[in-house]
Amino acid sequence: MVMKILRVNMSNLETRFEDLPEKWKILGGRGLSAAILNKEVSPEVDPLGTDAKLVIAGGPLAGTLAPSCGRISVGAKSPLTLGIKEANAGGPLAQKMDKAGVRAIVVEGGPEQGKLYLLKISKDGAVLEGADEYQGMKTYDLVETLQKKYDDKIGVISIGIVGERKLKAAAVTFTDKDGHCSRHAARGGLGAVMGSKGLKAIIVDDSATGAIDLADKAAFRETLKNWTDVIKSNPQLQNMSKYGTPGVIVPLRSMGSMPSKNYSSEPTEGFEKLSGQEIEKINQERGGSMDGCMPGCIVRCSVVYNDADGKHLTSSFEYETLALMGTNLGINDPDAVARFDRICDELGIDTIELGSAMGVAAIAGKMEMGNVESAMALFDEVEKGTEFGNTLANGVVATCKALGVTRIPAVKGQAIPAHDPRVTKATGVTYHTSPMGADHTTGISYDDPMNKEGQVEKSLISQIYNVTIDALGYCNLAAPGDKKALMEFLKNLINARYGLEVSIDDLYKIGRETLKAELKFNEGTEGNKVHPFPDWIRSESLAPTGSVFDVDPDEIAKIWENLDTIAIV
């Protein structure tokens, strides 16, 4: 089966399929979105204008249901960073798209003012339907309505009211394998881009599709068998299976990397209540679980968290949210943070960006640090769309500007995530240099983290590695520490599916070329010239280590000189 690109024109309400170019046969995710945006979109476009485009792309192995190969990427020019942006999520949507023969969806043009539409994809093609009836609907209500109308096995991509309002912290939401809309391509405001296209939701129905063709079934099965043994014998991934990403809270908060009270040195007492170990105890009492967000996952790191009555609250209770919506606001109550997470899911907004903005609001006296009800009042403002609520939903830079705050916790317009660059200096280099701005998914490293020497090289290796697996649709949370083993696994699967003979170097070339494409795009954007790395990160020491970010700026400026030559494994 020849894979397709689905073109969706929101100006004339037409859809059409075209063959995926042969040169892009194994290109997906972040790599494919970067290639399409560079080819078709001017860096100077208004991110929310009709000339902008939104790309949703899966990886080349998604429909095979190979473990953890179903990540999905959303790409566009970001209204938040004003540069190229990719954000990715878990769930079964990439798997469903692949089974339907679609590698990427490209949404272009713009609708009649105020109109909303729904895109339905199935074996019979793709059609646009009016969706004005869903205007103002929260994501969980929307998905439940669509499941009743169409089928409870559909996959749904959607935006909440924050995306409809085209506010810059808006996320794109994906359903998980159980139909909960708990997975998000959250960073960069890409939900606002989807909202600007008048696209409330995309339904993918793969119910009548067949199995994916494999060029060498025996080799594919053998590769899967060997990988299962690797996963089950890896202590790091077994810990991830037991606790999920909250399992890192105690070590990271203890060294100061997990932010507290607006990225300050002031500790949040009782932060251990948010740890993976404590959440596991709560889950055992309430019937929660550890599960996979997509079929075929054997790591199963998704924390399915129930409330005190045993009712489902969230299926994606992760470290970044516990940090930015928890300790960064001085809050140590997991039930409160889970409620915050659910509200963000329903509104369709990035928990990192909003949590960072709320931390600034607390310092400026707009909420009481550590007070759950005070925080809830801000969520209420966001939902109602008050002036300050919209300011918060436009992100931390907008919030700082509105409140006259000069200590801005952002790089390139985007909130700093839950890995403080004063503690993990390679990650700070990544925030500084990545085409994506301050984004933990583009390359973090805790290898000798507070030694300023060698961190530029560590960042470069991490960035190439991460963009490569994003382009191949693999989940970083299911990656063992052995990079070579993972790349060998992906290489063997790709060769077995497509009958190719690609090498690990060929796969890393995808990553290197993707970074070049993103950097080229950003050269022509206004975002490349504003929102520098904040001075306070270099001057304000962080407890308990007293560290600052002190990597040599001249060394950082030379990072891309070794993009083509640095060895990864």
Protein backbone atom coordinates (compact mmCIF):
# COMPACT_ATOMS: atom_id res chain seq x y z
CA MET A 1 0.00 0.00 0.00
CA VAL A 2 1.31 3.42 -0.99
CA MET A 3 1.01 5.77 1.95
CA LYS A 4 -0.85 9.03 1.44
CA ILE A 5 -0.78 12.65 2.52
CA LEU A 6 -4.28 13.96 3.16
CA ARG A 7 -4.76 17.60 2.14
CA VAL A 8 -7.58 19.47 3.88
CA ASN A 9 -8.41 22.92 2.52
CA MET A 10 -10.55 24.86 4.97
CA SER A 11 -11.14 27.74 2.53
CA ASN A 12 -13.01 25.70 -0.08
CA LEU A 13 -13.83 22.77 2.25
CA GLU A 14 -12.19 20.20 0.00
CA THR A 15 -10.11 17.13 0.84
CA ARG A 16 -7.78 15.22 -1.43
CA PHE A 17 -5.18 12.48 -1.13
CA GLU A 18 -1.76 12.42 -2.74
CA ASP A 19 0.94 9.78 -2.68
CA LEU A 20 3.66 10.16 -0.09
CA PRO A 21 6.84 10.91 -2.09
CA GLU A 22 9.23 7.96 -2.30
CA LYS A 23 12.00 10.03 -0.70
CA TRP A 24 9.78 10.35 2.39
CA LYS A 25 8.95 6.63 2.58
CA ILE A 26 10.28 6.16 6.12
CA LEU A 27 9.95 9.79 7.21
CA GLY A 28 7.30 10.65 9.76
CA GLY A 29 6.49 12.70 12.84
CA ARG A 30 8.69 15.71 13.47
CA GLY A 31 10.81 14.97 10.42
CA LEU A 32 7.88 14.95 8.01
CA SER A 33 6.23 18.05 9.48
CA ALA A 34 9.53 19.97 9.20
CA ALA A 35 9.98 18.85 5.59
CA ILE A 36 6.45 19.88 4.61
CA LEU A 37 6.56 23.22 6.41
CA ASN A 38 9.92 24.12 4.86
CA LYS A 39 8.68 23.25 1.40
CA GLU A 40 5.26 24.88 1.58
CA VAL A 41 5.14 27.63 4.23
CA SER A 42 6.91 30.98 4.33
CA PRO A 43 8.65 31.60 7.67
CA GLU A 44 7.07 35.05 7.62
CA VAL A 45 3.44 33.87 7.77
CA ASP A 46 1.06 34.80 10.53
CA PRO A 47 0.84 31.54 12.56
CA LEU A 48 -2.93 31.98 12.80
CA GLY A 49 -3.42 33.23 9.23
CA THR A 50 -4.79 31.43 6.19
CA ASP A 51 -1.31 31.00 4.66
CA ALA A 52 -0.13 29.00 7.68
CA LYS A 53 -0.43 25.20 7.70
CA LEU A 54 -0.93 22.55 10.37
CA VAL A 55 0.68 19.13 9.90
CA ILE A 56 -0.34 16.02 11.86
CA ALA A 57 1.99 13.10 11.16
CA GLY A 58 2.58 9.58 12.43
CA GLY A 59 5.70 7.48 12.15
CA PRO A 60 6.63 4.80 9.60
CA LEU A 61 5.95 1.88 12.00
CA ALA A 62 2.76 3.05 13.74
CA GLY A 63 0.18 0.72 12.17
CA THR A 64 2.27 -2.38 12.82
CA LEU A 65 1.47 -1.97 16.54
CA ALA A 66 5.15 -2.48 17.29
CA PRO A 67 5.75 -1.50 20.94
CA SER A 68 5.88 2.25 21.56
CA CYS A 69 6.09 3.13 17.84
CA GLY A 70 2.80 5.04 17.72
CA ARG A 71 3.72 8.57 18.80
CA ILE A 72 2.03 11.28 16.76
CA SER A 73 3.39 14.74 15.94
CA VAL A 74 1.74 18.08 15.30
CA GLY A 75 3.75 20.73 13.48
CA ALA A 76 3.22 24.38 12.50
CA LYS A 77 4.65 27.83 12.94
CA SER A 78 4.03 28.50 16.62
CA PRO A 79 1.99 31.52 17.73
CA LEU A 80 3.92 31.29 21.01
CA THR A 81 7.55 31.03 19.86
CA LEU A 82 6.99 32.52 16.37
CA GLY A 83 9.26 29.77 15.05
CA ILE A 84 8.78 26.26 13.75
CA LYS A 85 7.19 23.96 16.30
CA GLU A 86 6.52 20.28 16.79
CA ALA A 87 4.72 18.74 19.73
CA ASN A 88 3.99 15.04 20.06
CA ALA A 89 1.67 12.78 22.00
CA GLY A 90 0.85 9.16 22.72
CA GLY A 91 -2.37 7.30 22.09
CA PRO A 92 -3.54 5.19 19.11
CA LEU A 93 -4.18 7.95 16.54
CA ALA A 94 -0.96 7.42 14.56
CA GLN A 95 -1.69 3.68 14.51
CA LYS A 96 -5.20 4.32 13.19
CA MET A 97 -3.96 6.78 10.56
CA ASP A 98 -1.31 4.33 9.36
CA LYS A 99 -3.86 1.54 9.05
CA ALA A 100 -6.02 3.91 7.00
CA GLY A 101 -3.04 4.56 4.72
CA VAL A 102 -2.42 8.15 5.90
CA ARG A 103 1.07 9.23 6.98
CA ALA A 104 0.19 12.91 7.39
CA ILE A 105 -2.72 15.34 7.41
CA VAL A 106 -1.97 18.83 6.10
CA VAL A 107 -4.57 21.45 7.02
CA GLU A 108 -4.43 24.71 5.06
CA GLY A 109 -6.50 27.79 4.30
CA GLY A 110 -9.12 29.16 6.64
CA PRO A 111 -12.89 28.91 7.09
CA GLU A 112 -15.67 31.44 6.97
CA GLN A 113 -15.54 33.57 10.12
CA GLY A 114 -16.95 31.74 13.14
CA LYS A 115 -17.54 28.42 11.42
CA LEU A 116 -16.38 25.10 12.88
CA TYR A 117 -15.87 21.79 11.12
CA LEU A 118 -15.17 18.15 11.80
CA LEU A 119 -12.99 15.96 9.58
CA LYS A 120 -13.83 12.27 9.33
CA ILE A 121 -11.24 9.81 7.97
CA SER A 122 -12.06 6.18 7.16
CA LYS A 123 -11.41 3.52 4.53
CA ASP A 124 -13.91 5.36 2.34
CA GLY A 125 -11.89 8.58 2.30
CA ALA A 126 -12.09 11.89 4.11
CA VAL A 127 -15.00 14.29 4.46
CA LEU A 128 -15.61 17.58 6.23
CA GLU A 129 -18.82 18.08 8.18
CA GLY A 130 -20.23 21.15 9.93
CA ALA A 131 -19.44 21.23 13.64
CA ASP A 132 -21.04 24.46 14.87
CA GLU A 133 -23.10 22.38 17.30
CA TYR A 134 -19.88 21.51 19.17
CA GLN A 135 -18.77 25.11 19.66
CA GLY A 136 -17.71 25.82 23.24
CA MET A 137 -17.72 22.13 24.14
CA LYS A 138 -15.05 20.77 26.48
CA THR A 139 -12.98 17.89 25.15
CA TYR A 140 -14.34 15.09 27.35
CA ASP A 141 -17.94 16.06 26.54
CA LEU A 142 -17.06 16.39 22.87
CA VAL A 143 -15.44 12.96 22.67
CA GLU A 144 -18.33 11.30 24.50
CA THR A 145 -20.78 12.93 22.08
CA LEU A 146 -18.78 11.85 19.02
CA GLN A 147 -18.37 8.30 20.31
CA LYS A 148 -22.15 8.02 20.73
CA LYS A 149 -22.81 9.49 17.27
CA TYR A 150 -20.19 7.51 15.34
CA ASP A 151 -18.60 4.62 17.24
CA ASP A 152 -16.86 4.17 20.59
CA LYS A 153 -13.77 2.73 18.85
CA ILE A 154 -12.97 5.88 16.88
CA GLY A 155 -9.87 7.92 17.59
CA VAL A 156 -10.43 11.64 18.12
CA ILE A 157 -8.11 14.62 17.68
CA SER A 158 -9.67 17.79 19.04
CA ILE A 159 -9.32 21.21 20.59
CA GLY A 160 -11.04 22.68 23.61
CA ILE A 161 -12.35 26.18 24.14
CA VAL A 162 -8.83 27.60 24.54
CA GLY A 163 -8.01 26.45 21.01
CA GLU A 164 -11.31 27.79 19.69
CA ARG A 165 -10.37 31.18 21.15
CA LYS A 166 -6.98 30.90 19.43
CA LEU A 167 -5.08 31.53 22.67
CA LYS A 168 -1.38 30.78 22.53
CA ALA A 169 -1.10 28.04 25.17
CA ALA A 170 -3.77 25.90 23.48
CA ALA A 171 -3.05 22.18 23.05
CA VAL A 172 -4.13 19.60 20.49
CA THR A 173 -5.83 16.70 22.30
CA PHE A 174 -5.79 13.00 21.38
CA THR A 175 -7.78 10.13 22.80
CA ASP A 176 -5.94 7.21 24.39
CA LYS A 177 -6.70 3.56 23.74
CA ASP A 178 -9.56 3.67 26.27
CA GLY A 179 -11.16 6.69 24.61
CA HIS A 180 -10.12 9.24 27.25
CA CYS A 181 -8.95 12.54 25.74
CA SER A 182 -5.88 12.61 27.97
CA ARG A 183 -2.98 12.78 25.51
CA HIS A 184 -1.74 16.15 24.28
CA ALA A 185 0.54 17.73 21.75
CA ALA A 186 0.64 20.56 24.23
CA ARG A 187 3.63 22.79 23.62
CA GLY A 188 3.82 25.83 21.39
CA GLY A 189 0.14 26.74 21.09
CA LEU A 190 -0.59 24.42 18.19
CA GLY A 191 -4.19 24.06 19.39
CA ALA A 192 -4.60 27.74 18.49
CA VAL A 193 -3.41 26.97 14.95
CA MET A 194 -5.99 24.19 14.70
CA GLY A 195 -8.60 26.62 16.02
CA SER A 196 -7.62 29.20 13.40
CA LYS A 197 -8.41 26.57 10.77
CA GLY A 198 -11.92 26.17 12.18
CA LEU A 199 -11.24 22.51 12.85
CA LYS A 200 -12.86 21.40 16.10
CA ALA A 201 -12.12 17.70 15.71
CA ILE A 202 -10.75 14.96 13.50
CA ILE A 203 -12.22 11.47 13.69
CA VAL A 204 -10.17 8.49 12.50
CA ASP A 205 -12.15 5.29 11.97
CA ASP A 206 -9.93 2.31 11.17
CA SER A 207 -12.61 -0.32 11.86
CA ALA A 208 -12.72 -1.71 8.32
CA THR A 209 -9.01 -1.59 7.58
CA GLY A 210 -6.80 -4.64 7.28
CA ALA A 211 -3.44 -5.60 8.73
CA ILE A 212 -0.32 -3.69 7.69
CA ASP A 213 1.73 -5.35 4.96
CA LEU A 214 5.18 -6.55 6.07
CA ALA A 215 7.95 -7.31 3.59
CA ASP A 216 9.58 -9.81 5.96
CA LYS A 217 7.17 -11.08 8.63
CA ALA A 218 9.65 -13.50 10.16
CA ALA A 219 12.32 -10.85 10.67
CA PHE A 220 9.72 -8.45 12.06
CA ARG A 221 8.48 -10.98 14.62
CA GLU A 222 12.01 -11.94 15.66
CA THR A 223 12.90 -8.30 16.19
CA LEU A 224 9.82 -7.80 18.37
CA LYS A 225 10.62 -10.89 20.44
CA ASN A 226 14.16 -9.74 21.10
CA TRP A 227 13.00 -6.24 22.01
CA THR A 228 10.45 -7.53 24.50
CA ASP A 229 13.31 -9.28 26.29
CA VAL A 230 15.30 -6.01 26.34
CA ILE A 231 12.37 -4.05 27.82
CA LYS A 232 11.56 -6.62 30.49
CA SER A 233 15.18 -6.87 31.63
CA ASN A 234 15.84 -3.11 31.78
CA PRO A 235 15.67 -1.74 35.37
CA GLN A 236 15.04 1.83 34.20
CA LEU A 237 12.01 0.82 32.13
CA GLN A 238 10.70 -1.52 34.79
CA ASN A 239 10.77 1.40 37.20
CA MET A 240 8.90 3.43 34.60
CA SER A 241 6.30 0.65 34.39
CA LYS A 242 5.82 0.74 38.15
CA TYR A 243 5.72 4.48 38.81
CA GLY A 244 5.55 6.30 35.46
CA THR A 245 7.30 9.66 35.12
CA PRO A 246 6.33 10.67 38.71
CA GLY A 247 8.98 8.13 39.78
CA VAL A 248 11.67 10.79 39.22
CA ILE A 249 10.13 13.40 41.52
CA VAL A 250 12.10 12.65 44.69
CA PRO A 251 15.58 12.70 43.10
CA LEU A 252 14.87 15.67 40.81
CA ARG A 253 13.18 17.82 43.47
CA SER A 254 15.93 16.95 45.95
CA MET A 255 18.58 18.34 43.59
CA GLY A 256 16.44 21.40 42.73
CA SER A 257 15.69 20.56 39.13
CA MET A 258 11.94 20.16 39.70
CA PRO A 259 10.68 23.76 39.97
CA SER A 260 9.24 25.13 43.19
CA LYS A 261 7.31 28.37 43.78
CA ASN A 262 7.96 30.08 40.47
CA TYR A 263 11.33 28.45 39.78
CA SER A 264 12.77 29.76 43.06
CA SER A 265 14.94 28.27 45.81
CA GLU A 266 12.03 28.28 48.23
CA PRO A 267 11.05 24.62 48.84
CA THR A 268 7.55 23.16 48.72
CA GLU A 269 7.20 21.28 51.98
CA GLY A 270 5.79 17.78 51.61
CA PHE A 271 6.59 17.52 47.90
CA GLU A 272 7.10 13.78 48.45
CA LYS A 273 3.29 13.42 48.46
CA LEU A 274 3.45 13.92 44.69
CA SER A 275 5.99 11.16 44.12
CA GLY A 276 5.38 8.07 42.05
CA GLN A 277 5.68 5.91 45.14
CA GLU A 278 2.92 7.83 46.95
CA ILE A 279 0.70 7.94 43.87
CA GLU A 280 1.08 4.17 43.50
CA LYS A 281 -0.26 3.72 47.05
CA ILE A 282 -3.25 5.95 46.29
CA ASN A 283 -3.93 4.11 43.06
CA GLN A 284 -3.92 0.73 44.79
CA GLU A 285 -6.57 1.98 47.21
CA ARG A 286 -8.78 3.58 44.56
CA GLY A 287 -8.58 1.11 41.68
CA GLY A 288 -6.24 3.20 39.55
CA SER A 289 -3.59 1.53 37.44
CA MET A 290 -0.52 1.73 35.26
CA ASP A 291 -1.45 1.28 31.61
CA GLY A 292 -0.30 1.88 28.07
CA CYS A 293 -1.72 4.86 26.21
CA MET A 294 -1.58 2.94 22.90
CA PRO A 295 -2.15 -0.69 21.92
CA GLY A 296 1.01 -2.79 21.94
CA CYS A 297 2.88 -0.86 24.63
CA ILE A 298 4.81 -3.12 27.00
CA VAL A 299 6.25 -0.38 29.23
CA ARG A 300 2.79 0.84 30.31
CA CYS A 301 3.94 4.02 32.05
CA SER A 302 0.66 5.94 31.90
CA VAL A 303 -0.68 6.70 35.39
CA VAL A 304 -4.47 6.19 35.35
CA TYR A 305 -5.51 8.18 38.41
CA ASN A 306 -8.90 7.97 40.14
CA ASP A 307 -10.52 10.36 42.59
CA ALA A 308 -11.47 9.48 46.17
CA ASP A 309 -14.70 7.86 44.94
CA GLY A 310 -12.82 5.61 42.51
CA LYS A 311 -13.94 7.63 39.49
CA HIS A 312 -11.52 8.21 36.60
CA LEU A 313 -9.87 11.62 36.78
CA THR A 314 -6.91 11.53 34.40
CA SER A 315 -4.95 8.97 32.40
CA SER A 316 -1.87 11.06 31.95
CA PHE A 317 -0.69 12.08 35.41
CA GLU A 318 2.87 12.96 34.53
CA TYR A 319 5.95 14.57 36.05
CA GLU A 320 5.77 17.85 34.11
CA THR A 321 2.20 18.49 35.28
CA LEU A 322 2.94 17.51 38.88
CA ALA A 323 5.84 19.95 38.78
CA LEU A 324 4.33 23.00 37.07
CA MET A 325 0.82 22.59 38.51
CA GLY A 326 2.13 21.29 41.84
CA THR A 327 5.41 22.38 43.37
CA ASN A 328 5.78 25.40 41.08
CA LEU A 329 2.57 26.67 42.70
CA GLY A 330 3.65 25.50 46.17
CA ILE A 331 1.00 22.73 46.13
CA ASN A 332 1.71 19.19 47.38
CA ASP A 333 -1.76 17.60 47.16
CA PRO A 334 -1.92 14.99 44.36
CA ASP A 335 -5.73 15.11 44.25
CA ALA A 336 -5.63 18.86 43.69
CA VAL A 337 -3.03 18.57 40.92
CA ALA A 338 -5.04 15.76 39.31
CA ARG A 339 -8.10 18.03 39.27
CA PHE A 340 -5.99 20.78 37.69
CA ASP A 341 -4.78 18.27 35.09
CA ARG A 342 -8.35 17.23 34.28
CA ILE A 343 -9.42 20.85 33.88
CA CYS A 344 -6.51 21.51 31.51
CA ASP A 345 -7.45 18.38 29.54
CA GLU A 346 -11.04 19.57 29.22
CA LEU A 347 -10.11 23.15 28.27
CA GLY A 348 -7.34 21.98 25.94
CA ILE A 349 -4.36 23.87 27.37
CA ASP A 350 -0.70 23.10 28.07
CA THR A 351 -0.16 22.36 31.78
CA ILE A 352 3.46 23.53 31.54
CA GLU A 353 2.68 26.91 29.98
CA LEU A 354 -0.33 27.60 32.20
CA GLY A 355 1.44 26.35 35.36
CA SER A 356 4.36 28.65 34.63
CA ALA A 357 2.01 31.60 34.03
CA MET A 358 0.15 30.86 37.28
CA GLY A 359 3.46 30.77 39.17
CA VAL A 360 4.17 34.31 37.94
CA ALA A 361 0.60 35.32 38.85
CA ALA A 362 1.19 34.05 42.40
CA ILE A 363 4.37 36.10 42.79
CA ALA A 364 2.47 39.15 41.50
CA GLY A 365 -0.34 38.67 44.02
CA LYS A 366 -2.97 37.30 41.64
CA MET A 367 -3.22 34.05 43.59
CA GLU A 368 -1.94 32.79 46.92
CA MET A 369 1.03 30.48 46.53
CA GLY A 370 0.17 27.03 47.90
CA ASN A 371 -3.57 27.71 48.07
CA VAL A 372 -5.63 25.25 46.02
CA GLU A 373 -8.84 27.31 45.99
CA SER A 374 -6.90 30.40 44.94
CA ALA A 375 -5.49 28.43 42.02
CA MET A 376 -8.97 27.13 41.15
CA ALA A 377 -10.16 30.72 40.86
CA LEU A 378 -7.60 31.28 38.09
CA PHE A 379 -8.76 28.16 36.25
CA ASP A 380 -12.26 29.59 36.46
CA GLU A 381 -11.04 32.80 34.84
CA VAL A 382 -9.44 30.85 32.01
CA GLU A 383 -12.65 28.91 31.40
CA LYS A 384 -14.84 32.02 31.47
CA GLY A 385 -12.49 33.90 29.17
CA THR A 386 -12.01 36.93 31.39
CA GLU A 387 -9.34 39.44 30.40
CA PHE A 388 -6.84 37.98 32.86
CA GLY A 389 -7.93 34.44 32.09
CA ASN A 390 -7.12 35.03 28.42
CA THR A 391 -3.79 36.56 29.44
CA LEU A 392 -2.89 33.39 31.36
CA ALA A 393 -4.00 31.26 28.41
CA ASN A 394 -1.68 33.23 26.15
CA GLY A 395 1.28 31.96 28.17
CA VAL A 396 3.91 33.05 30.64
CA VAL A 397 5.48 35.78 28.50
CA ALA A 398 2.09 37.47 28.01
CA THR A 399 1.38 37.10 31.73
CA CYS A 400 4.69 38.69 32.71
CA LYS A 401 4.07 41.57 30.33
CA ALA A 402 0.57 42.18 31.68
CA LEU A 403 1.78 42.13 35.29
CA GLY A 404 4.97 44.11 34.74
CA VAL A 405 7.16 41.16 35.75
CA THR A 406 10.68 41.27 34.29
CA ARG A 407 11.91 37.89 35.59
CA ILE A 408 10.47 35.84 32.73
CA PRO A 409 10.75 32.02 33.01
CA ALA A 410 10.76 31.36 29.27
CA VAL A 411 13.11 30.83 26.36
CA LYS A 412 12.05 31.89 22.86
CA GLY A 413 8.57 32.72 24.14
CA GLN A 414 7.92 29.33 25.71
CA ALA A 415 7.76 28.44 29.41
CA ILE A 416 10.71 26.60 30.93
CA PRO A 417 9.62 23.02 31.71
CA ALA A 418 10.35 20.98 34.83
CA HIS A 419 14.09 20.50 34.28
CA ASP A 420 15.88 23.58 35.60
CA PRO A 421 18.82 24.58 33.36
CA ARG A 422 20.86 25.61 36.41
CA VAL A 423 20.86 21.96 37.51
CA THR A 424 20.92 20.13 34.18
CA LYS A 425 23.18 22.33 32.10
CA ALA A 426 23.08 20.27 28.90
CA THR A 427 19.32 20.74 29.01
CA GLY A 428 19.89 24.47 29.40
CA VAL A 429 21.99 24.40 26.24
CA THR A 430 19.11 22.62 24.52
CA TYR A 431 16.62 25.29 25.63
CA HIS A 432 19.05 27.93 24.37
CA THR A 433 19.71 26.39 20.94
CA SER A 434 16.83 24.11 19.98
CA PRO A 435 14.58 25.36 17.17
CA MET A 436 11.74 24.57 19.59
CA GLY A 437 12.83 26.84 22.45
CA ALA A 438 12.44 25.64 26.05
CA ASP A 439 11.10 22.16 25.39
CA HIS A 440 12.10 19.10 27.42
CA THR A 441 11.13 16.71 24.60
CA THR A 442 13.90 18.03 22.35
CA GLY A 443 16.80 16.80 24.45
CA ILE A 444 17.47 16.58 28.17
CA SER A 445 20.55 15.12 29.86
CA TYR A 446 21.46 14.40 33.46
CA ASP A 447 24.94 13.15 32.60
CA ASP A 448 27.26 14.97 35.06
CA PRO A 449 24.59 17.70 34.98
CA MET A 450 26.19 20.53 36.99
CA ASN A 451 29.63 20.41 35.40
CA LYS A 452 29.66 23.16 32.79
CA GLU A 453 32.29 21.38 30.70
CA GLY A 454 31.18 19.19 27.81
CA GLN A 455 27.51 20.14 28.07
CA VAL A 456 27.25 21.57 24.55
CA GLU A 457 28.32 18.22 23.11
CA LYS A 458 25.87 16.37 25.38
CA SER A 459 23.06 18.68 24.26
CA LEU A 460 23.88 18.19 20.57
CA ILE A 461 23.92 14.41 20.89
CA SER A 462 20.65 14.48 22.82
CA GLN A 463 18.99 16.77 20.29
CA ILE A 464 19.96 14.60 17.32
CA TYR A 465 18.87 11.44 19.10
CA ASN A 466 15.53 12.87 20.19
CA VAL A 467 14.61 14.39 16.84
CA THR A 468 15.44 11.06 15.18
CA ILE A 469 13.14 9.00 17.35
CA ASP A 470 10.45 11.69 17.07
CA ALA A 471 10.69 11.42 13.28
CA LEU A 472 10.31 7.63 13.57
CA GLY A 473 7.37 7.86 15.99
CA TYR A 474 9.02 6.10 18.93
CA CYS A 475 8.11 7.00 22.51
CA ASN A 476 11.04 8.47 24.42
CA LEU A 477 9.61 7.20 27.72
CA ALA A 478 10.09 3.63 26.46
CA ALA A 479 13.71 4.19 25.44
CA PRO A 480 16.40 2.27 27.33
CA GLY A 481 19.63 4.03 28.17
CA ASP A 482 21.38 2.12 25.37
CA LYS A 483 20.89 4.33 22.30
CA LYS A 484 22.51 1.82 19.97
CA ALA A 485 20.13 -0.96 21.03
CA LEU A 486 17.10 1.23 20.35
CA MET A 487 18.35 2.34 16.95
CA GLU A 488 19.18 -1.28 16.03
CA PHE A 489 15.60 -2.22 16.95
CA LEU A 490 14.09 0.58 14.85
CA LYS A 491 16.39 -0.11 11.93
CA ASN A 492 15.47 -3.81 11.88
CA LEU A 493 11.74 -3.07 12.09
CA ILE A 494 11.87 -0.55 9.24
CA ASN A 495 13.84 -2.90 7.04
CA ALA A 496 11.44 -5.75 7.78
CA ARG A 497 8.34 -3.67 7.09
CA TYR A 498 9.51 -2.00 3.90
CA GLY A 499 12.05 -4.47 2.50
CA LEU A 500 14.88 -1.96 2.81
CA GLU A 501 18.50 -2.04 3.96
CA VAL A 502 18.81 1.19 5.92
CA SER A 503 21.56 1.58 8.51
CA ILE A 504 21.62 3.31 11.89
CA ASP A 505 23.57 6.12 10.25
CA ASP A 506 20.74 6.48 7.72
CA LEU A 507 18.29 6.93 10.58
CA TYR A 508 20.45 9.50 12.30
CA LYS A 509 20.75 11.34 8.99
CA ILE A 510 16.98 11.87 9.21
CA GLY A 511 17.47 13.57 12.56
CA ARG A 512 20.36 15.71 11.38
CA GLU A 513 18.49 16.82 8.26
CA THR A 514 15.36 17.59 10.28
CA LEU A 515 17.33 19.89 12.59
CA LYS A 516 18.81 21.64 9.55
CA ALA A 517 15.33 22.14 8.10
CA GLU A 518 14.03 23.57 11.36
CA LEU A 519 16.99 25.91 11.79
CA LYS A 520 16.59 27.08 8.19
CA PHE A 521 12.91 27.83 8.76
CA ASN A 522 13.66 29.80 11.90
CA GLU A 523 16.25 31.95 10.15
CA GLY A 524 13.38 33.73 8.41
CA THR A 525 11.12 34.13 11.44
CA GLU A 526 10.75 37.00 13.88
CA GLY A 527 10.91 34.45 16.71
CA ASN A 528 14.57 33.86 15.99
CA LYS A 529 15.32 37.43 17.01
CA VAL A 530 13.36 37.79 20.28
CA HIS A 531 12.93 36.14 23.69
CA PRO A 532 16.58 35.33 24.46
CA PHE A 533 17.84 33.06 27.21
CA PRO A 534 16.92 34.89 30.46
CA ASP A 535 19.74 36.59 32.35
CA TRP A 536 18.43 35.48 35.76
CA ILE A 537 19.21 31.85 34.92
CA ARG A 538 22.89 32.87 34.76
CA SER A 539 22.89 35.09 37.84
CA GLU A 540 20.35 33.69 40.31
CA SER A 541 21.74 30.66 42.16
CA LEU A 542 19.47 27.73 42.92
CA ALA A 543 19.28 25.79 46.18
CA PRO A 544 20.37 23.31 47.37
CA THR A 545 23.47 23.28 45.17
CA GLY A 546 23.90 27.02 44.67
CA SER A 547 24.34 26.41 40.96
CA VAL A 548 23.76 28.80 38.07
CA PHE A 549 23.77 28.19 34.34
CA ASP A 550 27.35 29.07 33.43
CA VAL A 551 28.09 27.30 30.13
CA ASP A 552 30.26 29.52 27.94
CA PRO A 553 28.05 31.48 25.47
CA ASP A 554 30.76 31.35 22.79
CA GLU A 555 30.83 27.56 23.06
CA ILE A 556 27.03 27.41 22.83
CA ALA A 557 27.08 29.57 19.70
CA LYS A 558 29.21 26.94 17.93
CA ILE A 559 26.92 23.98 18.69
CA TRP A 560 25.77 23.38 15.11
CA GLU A 561 29.29 23.29 13.67
CA ASN A 562 29.45 19.57 14.56
CA LEU A 563 25.88 18.67 13.55
CA ASP A 564 27.00 16.47 10.64
CA THR A 565 30.03 14.88 12.30
CA ILE A 566 29.37 14.21 15.96
CA ALA A 567 29.06 10.51 16.80
CA ILE A 568 25.88 9.43 18.58
CA VAL A 569 26.61 5.79 19.41
